[in-house]
C-alpha atoms as a PDB file:
ATOM      1  CA  MET A   1     122.186 113.251 103.435  1.00  0.00           C
ATOM      2  CA  LYS A   2     124.308 110.099 103.282  1.00  0.00           C
ATOM      3  CA  PRO A   3     123.494 107.536 100.567  1.00  0.00           C
ATOM      4  CA  GLY A   4     122.902 104.818 103.175  1.00  0.00           C
ATOM      5  CA  ARG A   5     120.335 106.917 104.981  1.00  0.00           C
ATOM      6  CA  ARG A   6     118.641 107.810 101.717  1.00  0.00           C
ATOM      7  CA  SER A   7     118.207 104.156 100.736  1.00  0.00           C
ATOM      8  CA  ARG A   8     116.972 103.292 104.238  1.00  0.00           C
ATOM      9  CA  ARG A   9     114.460 106.117 104.111  1.00  0.00           C
ATOM     10  CA  LEU A  10     113.274 105.025 100.656  1.00  0.00           C
ATOM     11  CA  HIS A  11     112.878 101.433 101.848  1.00  0.00           C
ATOM     12  CA  ARG A  12     110.911 102.574 104.910  1.00  0.00           C
ATOM     13  CA  LEU A  13     108.636 104.583 102.636  1.00  0.00           C
ATOM     14  CA  LEU A  14     108.055 101.734 100.183  1.00  0.00           C
ATOM     15  CA  VAL A  15     107.401  98.898 102.632  1.00  0.00           C
ATOM     16  CA  PRO A  16     104.067 100.155 104.031  1.00  0.00           C
ATOM     17  CA  ILE A  17     102.849 101.065 100.549  1.00  0.00           C
ATOM     18  CA  ALA A  18     103.707  97.630  99.162  1.00  0.00           C
ATOM     19  CA  ALA A  19     102.723  95.581 102.212  1.00  0.00           C
ATOM     20  CA  ALA A  20      98.976  96.144 101.885  1.00  0.00           C
ATOM     21  CA  PRO A  21      98.467  94.734  98.365  1.00  0.00           C
ATOM     22  CA  LEU A  22     100.989  91.953  98.942  1.00  0.00           C
ATOM     23  CA  ALA A  23      99.314  90.894 102.182  1.00  0.00           C
ATOM     24  CA  LEU A  24      95.841  91.117 100.630  1.00  0.00           C
ATOM     25  CA  THR A  25      96.878  88.974  97.674  1.00  0.00           C
ATOM     26  CA  SER A  26      98.616  86.322  99.738  1.00  0.00           C
ATOM     27  CA  LEU A  27      95.854  86.105 102.361  1.00  0.00           C
ATOM     28  CA  SER A  28      93.007  86.004  99.855  1.00  0.00           C
ATOM     29  CA  GLY A  29      94.835  83.379  97.790  1.00  0.00           C
ATOM     30  CA  ALA A  30      95.476  81.190 100.820  1.00  0.00           C
ATOM     31  CA  ILE A  31      91.903  81.532 102.075  1.00  0.00           C
ATOM     32  CA  TYR A  32      90.465  80.857  98.612  1.00  0.00           C
ATOM     33  CA  GLY A  33      92.593  77.744  98.182  1.00  0.00           C
ATOM     34  CA  THR A  34      91.567  76.484 101.623  1.00  0.00           C
ATOM     35  CA  ILE A  35      87.833  76.972 101.173  1.00  0.00           C
ATOM     36  CA  LEU A  36      87.967  75.564  97.632  1.00  0.00           C
ATOM     37  CA  TYR A  37      89.407  72.373  99.147  1.00  0.00           C
ATOM     38  CA  PHE A  38      86.139  72.053 101.088  1.00  0.00           C
ATOM     39  CA  ASN A  39      84.110  72.590  97.866  1.00  0.00           C
ATOM     40  CA  ILE A  40      83.026  76.090  98.873  1.00  0.00           C
ATOM     41  CA  ASP A  41      83.133  78.484  95.966  1.00  0.00           C
ATOM     42  CA  ALA A  42      83.743  82.157  96.716  1.00  0.00           C
ATOM     43  CA  PRO A  43      83.980  84.124  93.466  1.00  0.00           C
ATOM     44  CA  TRP A  44      84.025  87.404  95.401  1.00  0.00           C
ATOM     45  CA  LEU A  45      87.229  86.293  97.109  1.00  0.00           C
ATOM     46  CA  LEU A  46      88.808  85.397  93.785  1.00  0.00           C
ATOM     47  CA  ARG A  47      87.860  88.822  92.398  1.00  0.00           C
ATOM     48  CA  LEU A  48      89.397  90.449  95.455  1.00  0.00           C
ATOM     49  CA  HIS A  49      92.531  88.335  94.975  1.00  0.00           C
ATOM     50  CA  THR A  50      92.916  89.517  91.376  1.00  0.00           C
ATOM     51  CA  GLY A  51      92.377  93.215  92.057  1.00  0.00           C
ATOM     52  CA  ASN A  52      88.677  93.749  91.469  1.00  0.00           C
ATOM     53  CA  PHE A  53      87.550  95.843  94.441  1.00  0.00           C
ATOM     54  CA  GLY A  54      83.944  96.398  93.366  1.00  0.00           C
ATOM     55  CA  VAL A  55      83.758 100.001  92.213  1.00  0.00           C
ATOM     56  CA  ILE A  56      87.525 100.136  91.628  1.00  0.00           C
ATOM     57  CA  ASN A  57      88.671  97.491  89.167  1.00  0.00           C
ATOM     58  CA  LEU A  58      92.455  97.244  89.049  1.00  0.00           C
ATOM     59  CA  GLN A  59      92.603  93.803  87.400  1.00  0.00           C
ATOM     60  CA  PRO A  60      94.562  94.917  84.307  1.00  0.00           C
ATOM     61  CA  PHE A  61      97.222  96.552  86.481  1.00  0.00           C
ATOM     62  CA  TYR A  62      97.156  94.528  89.702  1.00  0.00           C
ATOM     63  CA  SER A  63      99.404  91.589  88.753  1.00  0.00           C
ATOM     64  CA  PRO A  64     102.159  93.732  87.217  1.00  0.00           C
ATOM     65  CA  LEU A  65     101.894  96.103  90.191  1.00  0.00           C
ATOM     66  CA  ILE A  66     102.346  93.233  92.649  1.00  0.00           C
ATOM     67  CA  GLY A  67     105.326  91.938  90.669  1.00  0.00           C
ATOM     68  CA  ILE A  68     106.991  95.343  90.423  1.00  0.00           C
ATOM     69  CA  LEU A  69     106.431  96.098  94.116  1.00  0.00           C
ATOM     70  CA  THR A  70     107.917  92.740  95.071  1.00  0.00           C
ATOM     71  CA  LEU A  71     111.007  93.306  92.921  1.00  0.00           C
ATOM     72  CA  VAL A  72     111.500  96.846  94.213  1.00  0.00           C
ATOM     73  CA  LEU A  73     111.277  95.726  97.830  1.00  0.00           C
ATOM     74  CA  VAL A  74     113.626  92.801  97.292  1.00  0.00           C
ATOM     75  CA  ILE A  75     116.176  94.988  95.509  1.00  0.00           C
ATOM     76  CA  SER A  76     116.006  97.768  98.089  1.00  0.00           C
ATOM     77  CA  GLY A  77     116.191  95.274 100.956  1.00  0.00           C
ATOM     78  CA  LEU A  78     119.170  93.513  99.419  1.00  0.00           C
ATOM     79  CA  SER A  79     120.901  96.819  98.856  1.00  0.00           C
ATOM     80  CA  LEU A  80     120.527  97.570 102.563  1.00  0.00           C
ATOM     81  CA  LEU A  81     121.630  94.082 103.550  1.00  0.00           C
ATOM     82  CA  LEU A  82     124.689  93.971 101.316  1.00  0.00           C
ATOM     83  CA  LYS A  83     125.770  97.569 101.844  1.00  0.00           C
ATOM     84  CA  VAL A  84     129.394  97.862 102.899  1.00  0.00           C
ATOM     85  CA  PRO A  85     129.656 100.351 105.738  1.00  0.00           C
ATOM     86  CA  GLY A  86     131.370 103.503 104.534  1.00  0.00           C
ATOM     87  CA  GLY A  87     133.154 106.262 106.326  1.00  0.00           C
ATOM     88  CA  ARG A  88     135.536 105.771 109.172  1.00  0.00           C
ATOM     89  CA  PRO A  89     136.135 102.308 110.580  1.00  0.00           C
ATOM     90  CA  PRO A  90     134.819 101.734 114.091  1.00  0.00           C
ATOM     91  CA  VAL A  91     137.154 102.699 116.909  1.00  0.00           C
ATOM     92  CA  GLU A  92     138.473  99.767 118.866  1.00  0.00           C
ATOM     93  CA  ARG A  93     138.325 100.320 122.590  1.00  0.00           C
ATOM     94  CA  GLN A  94     141.072  99.163 124.870  1.00  0.00           C
ATOM     95  CA  PRO A  95     139.922  97.312 128.032  1.00  0.00           C
END
């Protein structure tokens, strides 16, 4: 398998895994900040934002996990974006 395809496949595998916690954190943080502006306190939303999911408490690991996932996705995305095409150059067609 070509290295370009391998990195694309890895990126496609990582994005759905990382998107869920990143989206949950950003949405819960935005909602919490908005409702706090209206003097509505929602401690359950803050716990959700920090990784406490009731029975499953990931608070000690959640922030580093979010940071690592973000860095991995940025690095893999940049590697795809900045990749110089290898192999044969494209064939120019004559009109």
